[in-house]
Full PDB file with SEQRES, HELIX, SHEET, SSBOND, CRYST1, ORIGX, SCALE, CONECT and MASTER records, all heavy atoms in Angstrom:
SEQRES   1 A   36  ASP GLU ASN ASN THR ILE ARG ILE THR ASN LEU PRO GLU          
SEQRES   2 A   36  GLU THR GLN ASP SER ASP ILE ARG ASP LEU PHE LYS ASP          
SEQRES   3 A   36  PHE GLY ARG ILE THR ARG ILE PHE LEU ALA                      
HELIX    1 AA1 GLU A    2  ASN A    4  5                                   3    
HELIX    2 AA2 ASP A   17  PHE A   24  1                                   8    
HELIX    3 AA3 LYS A   25  PHE A   27  5                                   3    
CRYST1    1.000    1.000    1.000  90.00  90.00  90.00 P 1           1          
ORIGX1      1.000000  0.000000  0.000000        0.00000                         
ORIGX2      0.000000  1.000000  0.000000        0.00000                         
ORIGX3      0.000000  0.000000  1.000000        0.00000                         
SCALE1      1.000000  0.000000  0.000000        0.00000                         
SCALE2      0.000000  1.000000  0.000000        0.00000                         
SCALE3      0.000000  0.000000  1.000000        0.00000                         
ATOM      1  N   ASP A   1      -3.234   8.296  11.608  1.00  0.00           N  
ATOM      2  CA  ASP A   1      -2.873   7.529  10.467  1.00  0.00           C  
ATOM      3  C   ASP A   1      -3.340   8.236   9.166  1.00  0.00           C  
ATOM      4  O   ASP A   1      -2.621   8.196   8.158  1.00  0.00           O  
ATOM      5  CB  ASP A   1      -3.500   6.112  10.492  1.00  0.00           C  
ATOM      6  CG  ASP A   1      -2.673   5.149  11.281  1.00  0.00           C  
ATOM      7  OD1 ASP A   1      -1.590   5.553  11.753  1.00  0.00           O  
ATOM      8  OD2 ASP A   1      -3.123   4.010  11.443  1.00  0.00           O  
ATOM      9  N   GLU A   2      -4.512   8.846   9.176  1.00  0.00           N  
ATOM     10  CA  GLU A   2      -5.013   9.463   7.946  1.00  0.00           C  
ATOM     11  C   GLU A   2      -4.115  10.595   7.487  1.00  0.00           C  
ATOM     12  O   GLU A   2      -4.035  10.824   6.295  1.00  0.00           O  
ATOM     13  CB  GLU A   2      -6.427   9.994   8.185  1.00  0.00           C  
ATOM     14  CG  GLU A   2      -7.435   8.869   8.152  1.00  0.00           C  
ATOM     15  CD  GLU A   2      -8.879   9.313   8.246  1.00  0.00           C  
ATOM     16  OE1 GLU A   2      -9.122  10.549   8.412  1.00  0.00           O  
ATOM     17  OE2 GLU A   2      -9.771   8.496   8.174  1.00  0.00           O  
ATOM     18  N   ASN A   3      -3.417  11.254   8.379  1.00  0.00           N  
ATOM     19  CA  ASN A   3      -2.497  12.297   7.969  1.00  0.00           C  
ATOM     20  C   ASN A   3      -1.276  11.783   7.261  1.00  0.00           C  
ATOM     21  O   ASN A   3      -0.580  12.506   6.584  1.00  0.00           O  
ATOM     22  CB  ASN A   3      -2.040  13.110   9.185  1.00  0.00           C  
ATOM     23  CG  ASN A   3      -3.127  13.945   9.778  1.00  0.00           C  
ATOM     24  OD1 ASN A   3      -4.016  14.402   9.049  1.00  0.00           O  
ATOM     25  ND2 ASN A   3      -3.133  14.145  11.077  1.00  0.00           N  
ATOM     26  N   ASN A   4      -1.031  10.474   7.399  1.00  0.00           N  
ATOM     27  CA  ASN A   4       0.162   9.858   6.817  1.00  0.00           C  
ATOM     28  C   ASN A   4      -0.245   8.790   5.763  1.00  0.00           C  
ATOM     29  O   ASN A   4       0.517   7.891   5.460  1.00  0.00           O  
ATOM     30  CB  ASN A   4       1.013   9.161   7.913  1.00  0.00           C  
ATOM     31  CG  ASN A   4       1.404  10.107   8.985  1.00  0.00           C  
ATOM     32  OD1 ASN A   4       1.548  11.312   8.732  1.00  0.00           O  
ATOM     33  ND2 ASN A   4       1.621   9.577  10.155  1.00  0.00           N  
ATOM     34  N   THR A   5      -1.472   8.886   5.255  1.00  0.00           N  
ATOM     35  CA  THR A   5      -2.019   7.893   4.319  1.00  0.00           C  
ATOM     36  C   THR A   5      -1.977   8.363   2.887  1.00  0.00           C  
ATOM     37  O   THR A   5      -2.363   9.487   2.596  1.00  0.00           O  
ATOM     38  CB  THR A   5      -3.425   7.508   4.761  1.00  0.00           C  
ATOM     39  OG1 THR A   5      -3.370   7.024   6.110  1.00  0.00           O  
ATOM     40  CG2 THR A   5      -4.005   6.429   3.848  1.00  0.00           C  
ATOM     41  N   ILE A   6      -1.553   7.435   2.033  1.00  0.00           N  
ATOM     42  CA  ILE A   6      -1.544   7.723   0.590  1.00  0.00           C  
ATOM     43  C   ILE A   6      -2.559   6.797  -0.100  1.00  0.00           C  
ATOM     44  O   ILE A   6      -2.901   5.751   0.432  1.00  0.00           O  
ATOM     45  CB  ILE A   6      -0.129   7.559  -0.012  1.00  0.00           C  
ATOM     46  CG1 ILE A   6       0.389   6.106   0.204  1.00  0.00           C  
ATOM     47  CG2 ILE A   6       0.829   8.587   0.572  1.00  0.00           C  
ATOM     48  CD1 ILE A   6       1.746   5.851  -0.490  1.00  0.00           C  
ATOM     49  N   ARG A   7      -3.010   7.226  -1.239  1.00  0.00           N  
ATOM     50  CA  ARG A   7      -3.944   6.411  -2.044  1.00  0.00           C  
ATOM     51  C   ARG A   7      -3.251   6.086  -3.372  1.00  0.00           C  
ATOM     52  O   ARG A   7      -2.685   6.965  -4.031  1.00  0.00           O  
ATOM     53  CB  ARG A   7      -5.197   7.255  -2.319  1.00  0.00           C  
ATOM     54  CG  ARG A   7      -6.266   6.519  -3.140  1.00  0.00           C  
ATOM     55  CD  ARG A   7      -7.525   7.355  -3.241  1.00  0.00           C  
ATOM     56  NE  ARG A   7      -8.611   6.607  -3.797  1.00  0.00           N  
ATOM     57  CZ  ARG A   7      -9.047   6.695  -5.032  1.00  0.00           C  
ATOM     58  NH1 ARG A   7      -8.462   7.556  -5.847  1.00  0.00           N  
ATOM     59  NH2 ARG A   7     -10.048   5.962  -5.449  1.00  0.00           N  
ATOM     60  N   ILE A   8      -3.257   4.816  -3.713  1.00  0.00           N  
ATOM     61  CA  ILE A   8      -2.670   4.308  -4.907  1.00  0.00           C  
ATOM     62  C   ILE A   8      -3.774   3.886  -5.838  1.00  0.00           C  
ATOM     63  O   ILE A   8      -4.634   3.070  -5.423  1.00  0.00           O  
ATOM     64  CB  ILE A   8      -1.693   3.144  -4.621  1.00  0.00           C  
ATOM     65  CG1 ILE A   8      -0.649   3.518  -3.586  1.00  0.00           C  
ATOM     66  CG2 ILE A   8      -1.011   2.689  -5.908  1.00  0.00           C  
ATOM     67  CD1 ILE A   8      -0.995   3.086  -2.230  1.00  0.00           C  
ATOM     68  N   THR A   9      -3.776   4.344  -7.082  1.00  0.00           N  
ATOM     69  CA  THR A   9      -4.797   3.918  -8.028  1.00  0.00           C  
ATOM     70  C   THR A   9      -4.144   3.383  -9.278  1.00  0.00           C  
ATOM     71  O   THR A   9      -2.927   3.547  -9.494  1.00  0.00           O  
ATOM     72  CB  THR A   9      -5.742   5.076  -8.395  1.00  0.00           C  
ATOM     73  OG1 THR A   9      -4.982   6.157  -8.881  1.00  0.00           O  
ATOM     74  CG2 THR A   9      -6.536   5.536  -7.205  1.00  0.00           C  
ATOM     75  N   ASN A  10      -4.931   2.739 -10.098  1.00  0.00           N  
ATOM     76  CA  ASN A  10      -4.522   2.058 -11.357  1.00  0.00           C  
ATOM     77  C   ASN A  10      -3.744   0.764 -11.082  1.00  0.00           C  
ATOM     78  O   ASN A  10      -2.830   0.439 -11.831  1.00  0.00           O  
ATOM     79  CB  ASN A  10      -3.751   3.017 -12.238  1.00  0.00           C  
ATOM     80  CG  ASN A  10      -3.943   2.688 -13.699  1.00  0.00           C  
ATOM     81  OD1 ASN A  10      -4.958   2.153 -14.090  1.00  0.00           O  
ATOM     82  ND2 ASN A  10      -2.992   3.023 -14.504  1.00  0.00           N  
ATOM     83  N   LEU A  11      -4.082   0.106 -10.012  1.00  0.00           N  
ATOM     84  CA  LEU A  11      -3.453  -1.220  -9.706  1.00  0.00           C  
ATOM     85  C   LEU A  11      -4.083  -2.315 -10.555  1.00  0.00           C  
ATOM     86  O   LEU A  11      -5.322  -2.281 -10.751  1.00  0.00           O  
ATOM     87  CB  LEU A  11      -3.669  -1.537  -8.233  1.00  0.00           C  
ATOM     88  CG  LEU A  11      -2.876  -0.673  -7.243  1.00  0.00           C  
ATOM     89  CD1 LEU A  11      -3.424  -0.877  -5.830  1.00  0.00           C  
ATOM     90  CD2 LEU A  11      -1.373  -1.006  -7.304  1.00  0.00           C  
ATOM     91  N   PRO A  12      -3.338  -3.313 -10.983  1.00  0.00           N  
ATOM     92  CA  PRO A  12      -3.887  -4.401 -11.702  1.00  0.00           C  
ATOM     93  C   PRO A  12      -4.797  -5.260 -10.822  1.00  0.00           C  
ATOM     94  O   PRO A  12      -4.635  -5.318  -9.573  1.00  0.00           O  
ATOM     95  CB  PRO A  12      -2.700  -5.248 -12.172  1.00  0.00           C  
ATOM     96  CG  PRO A  12      -1.504  -4.643 -11.563  1.00  0.00           C  
ATOM     97  CD  PRO A  12      -1.887  -3.346 -10.852  1.00  0.00           C  
ATOM     98  N   GLU A  13      -5.783  -5.948 -11.376  1.00  0.00           N  
ATOM     99  CA  GLU A  13      -6.741  -6.731 -10.580  1.00  0.00           C  
ATOM    100  C   GLU A  13      -6.092  -7.901  -9.853  1.00  0.00           C  
ATOM    101  O   GLU A  13      -6.657  -8.331  -8.869  1.00  0.00           O  
ATOM    102  CB  GLU A  13      -7.937  -7.144 -11.394  1.00  0.00           C  
ATOM    103  CG  GLU A  13      -7.663  -8.182 -12.448  1.00  0.00           C  
ATOM    104  CD  GLU A  13      -8.928  -8.638 -13.177  1.00  0.00           C  
ATOM    105  OE1 GLU A  13      -9.885  -7.869 -13.243  1.00  0.00           O  
ATOM    106  OE2 GLU A  13      -8.919  -9.741 -13.702  1.00  0.00           O  
ATOM    107  N   GLU A  14      -4.928  -8.369 -10.258  1.00  0.00           N  
ATOM    108  CA  GLU A  14      -4.292  -9.483  -9.562  1.00  0.00           C  
ATOM    109  C   GLU A  14      -3.420  -9.053  -8.377  1.00  0.00           C  
ATOM    110  O   GLU A  14      -2.795  -9.849  -7.702  1.00  0.00           O  
ATOM    111  CB  GLU A  14      -3.446 -10.322 -10.527  1.00  0.00           C  
ATOM    112  CG  GLU A  14      -2.326  -9.608 -11.203  1.00  0.00           C  
ATOM    113  CD  GLU A  14      -2.675  -8.868 -12.505  1.00  0.00           C  
ATOM    114  OE1 GLU A  14      -3.874  -8.825 -12.860  1.00  0.00           O  
ATOM    115  OE2 GLU A  14      -1.785  -8.321 -13.096  1.00  0.00           O  
ATOM    116  N   THR A  15      -3.386  -7.740  -8.088  1.00  0.00           N  
ATOM    117  CA  THR A  15      -2.599  -7.204  -6.976  1.00  0.00           C  
ATOM    118  C   THR A  15      -3.014  -7.795  -5.628  1.00  0.00           C  
ATOM    119  O   THR A  15      -4.216  -7.907  -5.363  1.00  0.00           O  
ATOM    120  CB  THR A  15      -2.704  -5.678  -6.930  1.00  0.00           C  
ATOM    121  OG1 THR A  15      -2.256  -5.118  -8.187  1.00  0.00           O  
ATOM    122  CG2 THR A  15      -1.832  -5.110  -5.835  1.00  0.00           C  
ATOM    123  N   GLN A  16      -2.061  -8.143  -4.808  1.00  0.00           N  
ATOM    124  CA  GLN A  16      -2.284  -8.671  -3.448  1.00  0.00           C  
ATOM    125  C   GLN A  16      -1.712  -7.703  -2.432  1.00  0.00           C  
ATOM    126  O   GLN A  16      -0.868  -6.872  -2.759  1.00  0.00           O  
ATOM    127  CB  GLN A  16      -1.640 -10.079  -3.279  1.00  0.00           C  
ATOM    128  CG  GLN A  16      -2.170 -11.115  -4.262  1.00  0.00           C  
ATOM    129  CD  GLN A  16      -3.628 -11.412  -4.010  1.00  0.00           C  
ATOM    130  OE1 GLN A  16      -4.052 -11.616  -2.854  1.00  0.00           O  
ATOM    131  NE2 GLN A  16      -4.445 -11.488  -5.065  1.00  0.00           N  
ATOM    132  N   ASP A  17      -2.113  -7.881  -1.151  1.00  0.00           N  
ATOM    133  CA  ASP A  17      -1.558  -7.066  -0.083  1.00  0.00           C  
ATOM    134  C   ASP A  17      -0.045  -7.120  -0.029  1.00  0.00           C  
ATOM    135  O   ASP A  17       0.633  -6.094   0.162  1.00  0.00           O  
ATOM    136  CB  ASP A  17      -2.094  -7.474   1.276  1.00  0.00           C  
ATOM    137  CG  ASP A  17      -3.572  -7.166   1.490  1.00  0.00           C  
ATOM    138  OD1 ASP A  17      -4.319  -7.083   0.499  1.00  0.00           O  
ATOM    139  OD2 ASP A  17      -3.980  -7.021   2.648  1.00  0.00           O  
ATOM    140  N   SER A  18       0.514  -8.286  -0.243  1.00  0.00           N  
ATOM    141  CA  SER A  18       1.986  -8.452  -0.203  1.00  0.00           C  
ATOM    142  C   SER A  18       2.662  -7.660  -1.300  1.00  0.00           C  
ATOM    143  O   SER A  18       3.796  -7.175  -1.094  1.00  0.00           O  
ATOM    144  CB  SER A  18       2.367  -9.945  -0.308  1.00  0.00           C  
ATOM    145  OG  SER A  18       1.859 -10.503  -1.514  1.00  0.00           O  
ATOM    146  N   ASP A  19       2.018  -7.506  -2.453  1.00  0.00           N  
ATOM    147  CA  ASP A  19       2.585  -6.684  -3.545  1.00  0.00           C  
ATOM    148  C   ASP A  19       2.661  -5.233  -3.122  1.00  0.00           C  
ATOM    149  O   ASP A  19       3.670  -4.528  -3.411  1.00  0.00           O  
ATOM    150  CB  ASP A  19       1.726  -6.810  -4.827  1.00  0.00           C  
ATOM    151  CG  ASP A  19       1.614  -8.191  -5.345  1.00  0.00           C  
ATOM    152  OD1 ASP A  19       2.609  -8.962  -5.296  1.00  0.00           O  
ATOM    153  OD2 ASP A  19       0.513  -8.599  -5.802  1.00  0.00           O  
ATOM    154  N   ILE A  20       1.623  -4.758  -2.477  1.00  0.00           N  
ATOM    155  CA  ILE A  20       1.625  -3.351  -1.967  1.00  0.00           C  
ATOM    156  C   ILE A  20       2.727  -3.197  -0.930  1.00  0.00           C  
ATOM    157  O   ILE A  20       3.458  -2.187  -0.967  1.00  0.00           O  
ATOM    158  CB  ILE A  20       0.220  -3.028  -1.355  1.00  0.00           C  
ATOM    159  CG1 ILE A  20      -0.866  -3.174  -2.406  1.00  0.00           C  
ATOM    160  CG2 ILE A  20       0.237  -1.605  -0.781  1.00  0.00           C  
ATOM    161  CD1 ILE A  20      -0.780  -2.264  -3.584  1.00  0.00           C  
ATOM    162  N   ARG A  21       2.841  -4.115  -0.004  1.00  0.00           N  
ATOM    163  CA  ARG A  21       3.851  -4.034   1.056  1.00  0.00           C  
ATOM    164  C   ARG A  21       5.278  -3.993   0.369  1.00  0.00           C  
ATOM    165  O   ARG A  21       6.107  -3.188   0.746  1.00  0.00           O  
ATOM    166  CB  ARG A  21       3.750  -5.193   2.006  1.00  0.00           C  
ATOM    167  CG  ARG A  21       4.750  -5.107   3.168  1.00  0.00           C  
ATOM    168  CD  ARG A  21       4.467  -6.079   4.280  1.00  0.00           C  
ATOM    169  NE  ARG A  21       3.179  -5.916   4.947  1.00  0.00           N  
ATOM    170  CZ  ARG A  21       2.838  -4.954   5.756  1.00  0.00           C  
ATOM    171  NH1 ARG A  21       3.720  -4.037   6.083  1.00  0.00           N  
ATOM    172  NH2 ARG A  21       1.652  -4.905   6.287  1.00  0.00           N  
ATOM    173  N   ASP A  22       5.490  -4.886  -0.573  1.00  0.00           N  
ATOM    174  CA  ASP A  22       6.793  -4.937  -1.272  1.00  0.00           C  
ATOM    175  C   ASP A  22       7.086  -3.632  -1.991  1.00  0.00           C  
ATOM    176  O   ASP A  22       8.234  -3.156  -1.995  1.00  0.00           O  
ATOM    177  CB  ASP A  22       6.834  -6.076  -2.290  1.00  0.00           C  
ATOM    178  CG  ASP A  22       6.914  -7.472  -1.604  1.00  0.00           C  
ATOM    179  OD1 ASP A  22       7.196  -7.529  -0.385  1.00  0.00           O  
ATOM    180  OD2 ASP A  22       6.648  -8.421  -2.319  1.00  0.00           O  
ATOM    181  N   LEU A  23       6.077  -3.022  -2.578  1.00  0.00           N  
ATOM    182  CA  LEU A  23       6.263  -1.785  -3.302  1.00  0.00           C  
ATOM    183  C   LEU A  23       6.609  -0.584  -2.436  1.00  0.00           C  
ATOM    184  O   LEU A  23       7.365   0.291  -2.861  1.00  0.00           O  
ATOM    185  CB  LEU A  23       4.953  -1.502  -4.133  1.00  0.00           C  
ATOM    186  CG  LEU A  23       4.985  -0.416  -5.185  1.00  0.00           C  
ATOM    187  CD1 LEU A  23       6.055  -0.699  -6.247  1.00  0.00           C  
ATOM    188  CD2 LEU A  23       3.638  -0.302  -5.816  1.00  0.00           C  
ATOM    189  N   PHE A  24       6.098  -0.586  -1.179  1.00  0.00           N  
ATOM    190  CA  PHE A  24       6.248   0.577  -0.338  1.00  0.00           C  
ATOM    191  C   PHE A  24       7.093   0.382   0.908  1.00  0.00           C  
ATOM    192  O   PHE A  24       7.397   1.355   1.613  1.00  0.00           O  
ATOM    193  CB  PHE A  24       4.841   1.123   0.067  1.00  0.00           C  
ATOM    194  CG  PHE A  24       4.107   1.745  -1.055  1.00  0.00           C  
ATOM    195  CD1 PHE A  24       3.176   1.006  -1.785  1.00  0.00           C  
ATOM    196  CD2 PHE A  24       4.394   3.018  -1.470  1.00  0.00           C  
ATOM    197  CE1 PHE A  24       2.515   1.557  -2.860  1.00  0.00           C  
ATOM    198  CE2 PHE A  24       3.759   3.617  -2.551  1.00  0.00           C  
ATOM    199  CZ  PHE A  24       2.785   2.874  -3.249  1.00  0.00           C  
ATOM    200  N   LYS A  25       7.545  -0.800   1.191  1.00  0.00           N  
ATOM    201  CA  LYS A  25       8.282  -1.079   2.433  1.00  0.00           C  
ATOM    202  C   LYS A  25       9.554  -0.317   2.560  1.00  0.00           C  
ATOM    203  O   LYS A  25       9.965   0.016   3.694  1.00  0.00           O  
ATOM    204  CB  LYS A  25       8.529  -2.626   2.588  1.00  0.00           C  
ATOM    205  CG  LYS A  25       9.479  -3.153   1.579  1.00  0.00           C  
ATOM    206  CD  LYS A  25       9.674  -4.667   1.731  1.00  0.00           C  
ATOM    207  CE  LYS A  25      10.628  -5.172   0.681  1.00  0.00           C  
ATOM    208  NZ  LYS A  25      10.726  -6.580   0.680  1.00  0.00           N  
ATOM    209  N   ASP A  26      10.246   0.002   1.500  1.00  0.00           N  
ATOM    210  CA  ASP A  26      11.519   0.696   1.567  1.00  0.00           C  
ATOM    211  C   ASP A  26      11.397   2.166   1.922  1.00  0.00           C  
ATOM    212  O   ASP A  26      12.406   2.800   2.215  1.00  0.00           O  
ATOM    213  CB  ASP A  26      12.272   0.555   0.262  1.00  0.00           C  
ATOM    214  CG  ASP A  26      12.722  -0.897  -0.006  1.00  0.00           C  
ATOM    215  OD1 ASP A  26      12.827  -1.688   0.971  1.00  0.00           O  
ATOM    216  OD2 ASP A  26      12.955  -1.229  -1.172  1.00  0.00           O  
ATOM    217  N   PHE A  27      10.186   2.707   1.983  1.00  0.00           N  
ATOM    218  CA  PHE A  27      10.002   4.121   2.297  1.00  0.00           C  
ATOM    219  C   PHE A  27       9.865   4.380   3.786  1.00  0.00           C  
ATOM    220  O   PHE A  27       9.985   5.521   4.201  1.00  0.00           O  
ATOM    221  CB  PHE A  27       8.776   4.675   1.529  1.00  0.00           C  
ATOM    222  CG  PHE A  27       8.972   4.649   0.071  1.00  0.00           C  
ATOM    223  CD1 PHE A  27       8.348   3.686  -0.695  1.00  0.00           C  
ATOM    224  CD2 PHE A  27       9.796   5.571  -0.557  1.00  0.00           C  
ATOM    225  CE1 PHE A  27       8.549   3.630  -2.099  1.00  0.00           C  
ATOM    226  CE2 PHE A  27       9.999   5.550  -1.949  1.00  0.00           C  
ATOM    227  CZ  PHE A  27       9.353   4.578  -2.708  1.00  0.00           C  
ATOM    228  N   GLY A  28       9.621   3.337   4.576  1.00  0.00           N  
ATOM    229  CA  GLY A  28       9.455   3.531   6.011  1.00  0.00           C  
ATOM    230  C   GLY A  28       8.491   2.567   6.570  1.00  0.00           C  
ATOM    231  O   GLY A  28       7.858   1.768   5.838  1.00  0.00           O  
ATOM    232  N   ARG A  29       8.318   2.638   7.878  1.00  0.00           N  
ATOM    233  CA  ARG A  29       7.419   1.724   8.546  1.00  0.00           C  
ATOM    234  C   ARG A  29       5.972   1.931   8.176  1.00  0.00           C  
ATOM    235  O   ARG A  29       5.415   3.059   8.283  1.00  0.00           O  
ATOM    236  CB  ARG A  29       7.557   1.890  10.093  1.00  0.00           C  
ATOM    237  CG  ARG A  29       6.742   0.873  10.916  1.00  0.00           C  
ATOM    238  CD  ARG A  29       7.244   0.752  12.306  1.00  0.00           C  
ATOM    239  NE  ARG A  29       6.280   0.731  13.385  1.00  0.00           N  
ATOM    240  CZ  ARG A  29       5.068   0.254  13.380  1.00  0.00           C  
ATOM    241  NH1 ARG A  29       4.512  -0.176  12.330  1.00  0.00           N  
ATOM    242  NH2 ARG A  29       4.354   0.221  14.500  1.00  0.00           N  
ATOM    243  N   ILE A  30       5.329   0.890   7.674  1.00  0.00           N  
ATOM    244  CA  ILE A  30       3.911   0.897   7.255  1.00  0.00           C  
ATOM    245  C   ILE A  30       3.063   0.485   8.439  1.00  0.00           C  
ATOM    246  O   ILE A  30       3.358  -0.501   9.104  1.00  0.00           O  
ATOM    247  CB  ILE A  30       3.695  -0.050   6.060  1.00  0.00           C  
ATOM    248  CG1 ILE A  30       4.477   0.453   4.843  1.00  0.00           C  
ATOM    249  CG2 ILE A  30       2.238  -0.152   5.757  1.00  0.00           C  
ATOM    250  CD1 ILE A  30       4.535  -0.526   3.699  1.00  0.00           C  
ATOM    251  N   THR A  31       2.051   1.287   8.734  1.00  0.00           N  
ATOM    252  CA  THR A  31       1.191   0.930   9.856  1.00  0.00           C  
ATOM    253  C   THR A  31      -0.121   0.279   9.432  1.00  0.00           C  
ATOM    254  O   THR A  31      -0.769  -0.381  10.214  1.00  0.00           O  
ATOM    255  CB  THR A  31       0.837   2.214  10.708  1.00  0.00           C  
ATOM    256  OG1 THR A  31       0.238   3.181   9.840  1.00  0.00           O  
ATOM    257  CG2 THR A  31       2.120   2.794  11.337  1.00  0.00           C  
ATOM    258  N   ARG A  32      -0.493   0.470   8.169  1.00  0.00           N  
ATOM    259  CA  ARG A  32      -1.724  -0.114   7.694  1.00  0.00           C  
ATOM    260  C   ARG A  32      -1.766  -0.162   6.174  1.00  0.00           C  
ATOM    261  O   ARG A  32      -1.279   0.761   5.515  1.00  0.00           O  
ATOM    262  CB  ARG A  32      -2.916   0.729   8.169  1.00  0.00           C  
ATOM    263  CG  ARG A  32      -4.300   0.171   7.792  1.00  0.00           C  
ATOM    264  CD  ARG A  32      -5.417   1.043   8.374  1.00  0.00           C  
ATOM    265  NE  ARG A  32      -5.440   2.376   7.821  1.00  0.00           N  
ATOM    266  CZ  ARG A  32      -6.268   2.764   6.850  1.00  0.00           C  
ATOM    267  NH1 ARG A  32      -7.182   1.938   6.363  1.00  0.00           N  
ATOM    268  NH2 ARG A  32      -6.247   3.992   6.427  1.00  0.00           N  
ATOM    269  N   ILE A  33      -2.290  -1.276   5.633  1.00  0.00           N  
ATOM    270  CA  ILE A  33      -2.505  -1.404   4.177  1.00  0.00           C  
ATOM    271  C   ILE A  33      -3.998  -1.827   4.025  1.00  0.00           C  
ATOM    272  O   ILE A  33      -4.442  -2.736   4.672  1.00  0.00           O  
ATOM    273  CB  ILE A  33      -1.614  -2.464   3.587  1.00  0.00           C  
ATOM    274  CG1 ILE A  33      -0.150  -2.047   3.613  1.00  0.00           C  
ATOM    275  CG2 ILE A  33      -2.040  -2.775   2.131  1.00  0.00           C  
ATOM    276  CD1 ILE A  33       0.819  -3.097   3.113  1.00  0.00           C  
ATOM    277  N   PHE A  34      -4.676  -1.142   3.120  1.00  0.00           N  
ATOM    278  CA  PHE A  34      -6.020  -1.523   2.749  1.00  0.00           C  
ATOM    279  C   PHE A  34      -6.074  -1.614   1.270  1.00  0.00           C  
ATOM    280  O   PHE A  34      -5.927  -0.612   0.541  1.00  0.00           O  
ATOM    281  CB  PHE A  34      -7.093  -0.540   3.244  1.00  0.00           C  
ATOM    282  CG  PHE A  34      -8.427  -0.863   2.696  1.00  0.00           C  
ATOM    283  CD1 PHE A  34      -9.174  -1.891   3.249  1.00  0.00           C  
ATOM    284  CD2 PHE A  34      -8.968  -0.155   1.617  1.00  0.00           C  
ATOM    285  CE1 PHE A  34     -10.429  -2.239   2.759  1.00  0.00           C  
ATOM    286  CE2 PHE A  34     -10.187  -0.477   1.082  1.00  0.00           C  
ATOM    287  CZ  PHE A  34     -10.941  -1.518   1.671  1.00  0.00           C  
ATOM    288  N   LEU A  35      -6.232  -2.828   0.728  1.00  0.00           N  
ATOM    289  CA  LEU A  35      -6.403  -3.056  -0.700  1.00  0.00           C  
ATOM    290  C   LEU A  35      -7.851  -3.359  -0.949  1.00  0.00           C  
ATOM    291  O   LEU A  35      -8.395  -4.333  -0.443  1.00  0.00           O  
ATOM    292  CB  LEU A  35      -5.503  -4.239  -1.133  1.00  0.00           C  
ATOM    293  CG  LEU A  35      -5.653  -4.683  -2.588  1.00  0.00           C  
ATOM    294  CD1 LEU A  35      -5.245  -3.588  -3.564  1.00  0.00           C  
ATOM    295  CD2 LEU A  35      -4.776  -5.911  -2.833  1.00  0.00           C  
ATOM    296  N   ALA A  36      -8.516  -2.526  -1.708  1.00  0.00           N  
ATOM    297  CA  ALA A  36      -9.946  -2.739  -2.028  1.00  0.00           C  
ATOM    298  C   ALA A  36     -10.070  -3.953  -2.915  1.00  0.00           C  
ATOM    299  O   ALA A  36      -9.393  -4.050  -3.949  1.00  0.00           O  
ATOM    300  CB  ALA A  36     -10.527  -1.497  -2.695  1.00  0.00           C  
TER     301      ALA A  36                                                      
MASTER        0    0    0    3    0    0    0    6  300    1    0    3          
END                                                                             
C-alpha cells in the first residue's frame, strides 16, 4: 500500500473522511484513507 500512497496537505479543518473519498474516488479503487 505504501508504494501506492499519496499525501494530501493544506486541507481545511472541517474536512471529513467522506470528503477525501469523494475527492479521489474517480481515480481508481481506494484501499485506505487516513485523515489526521
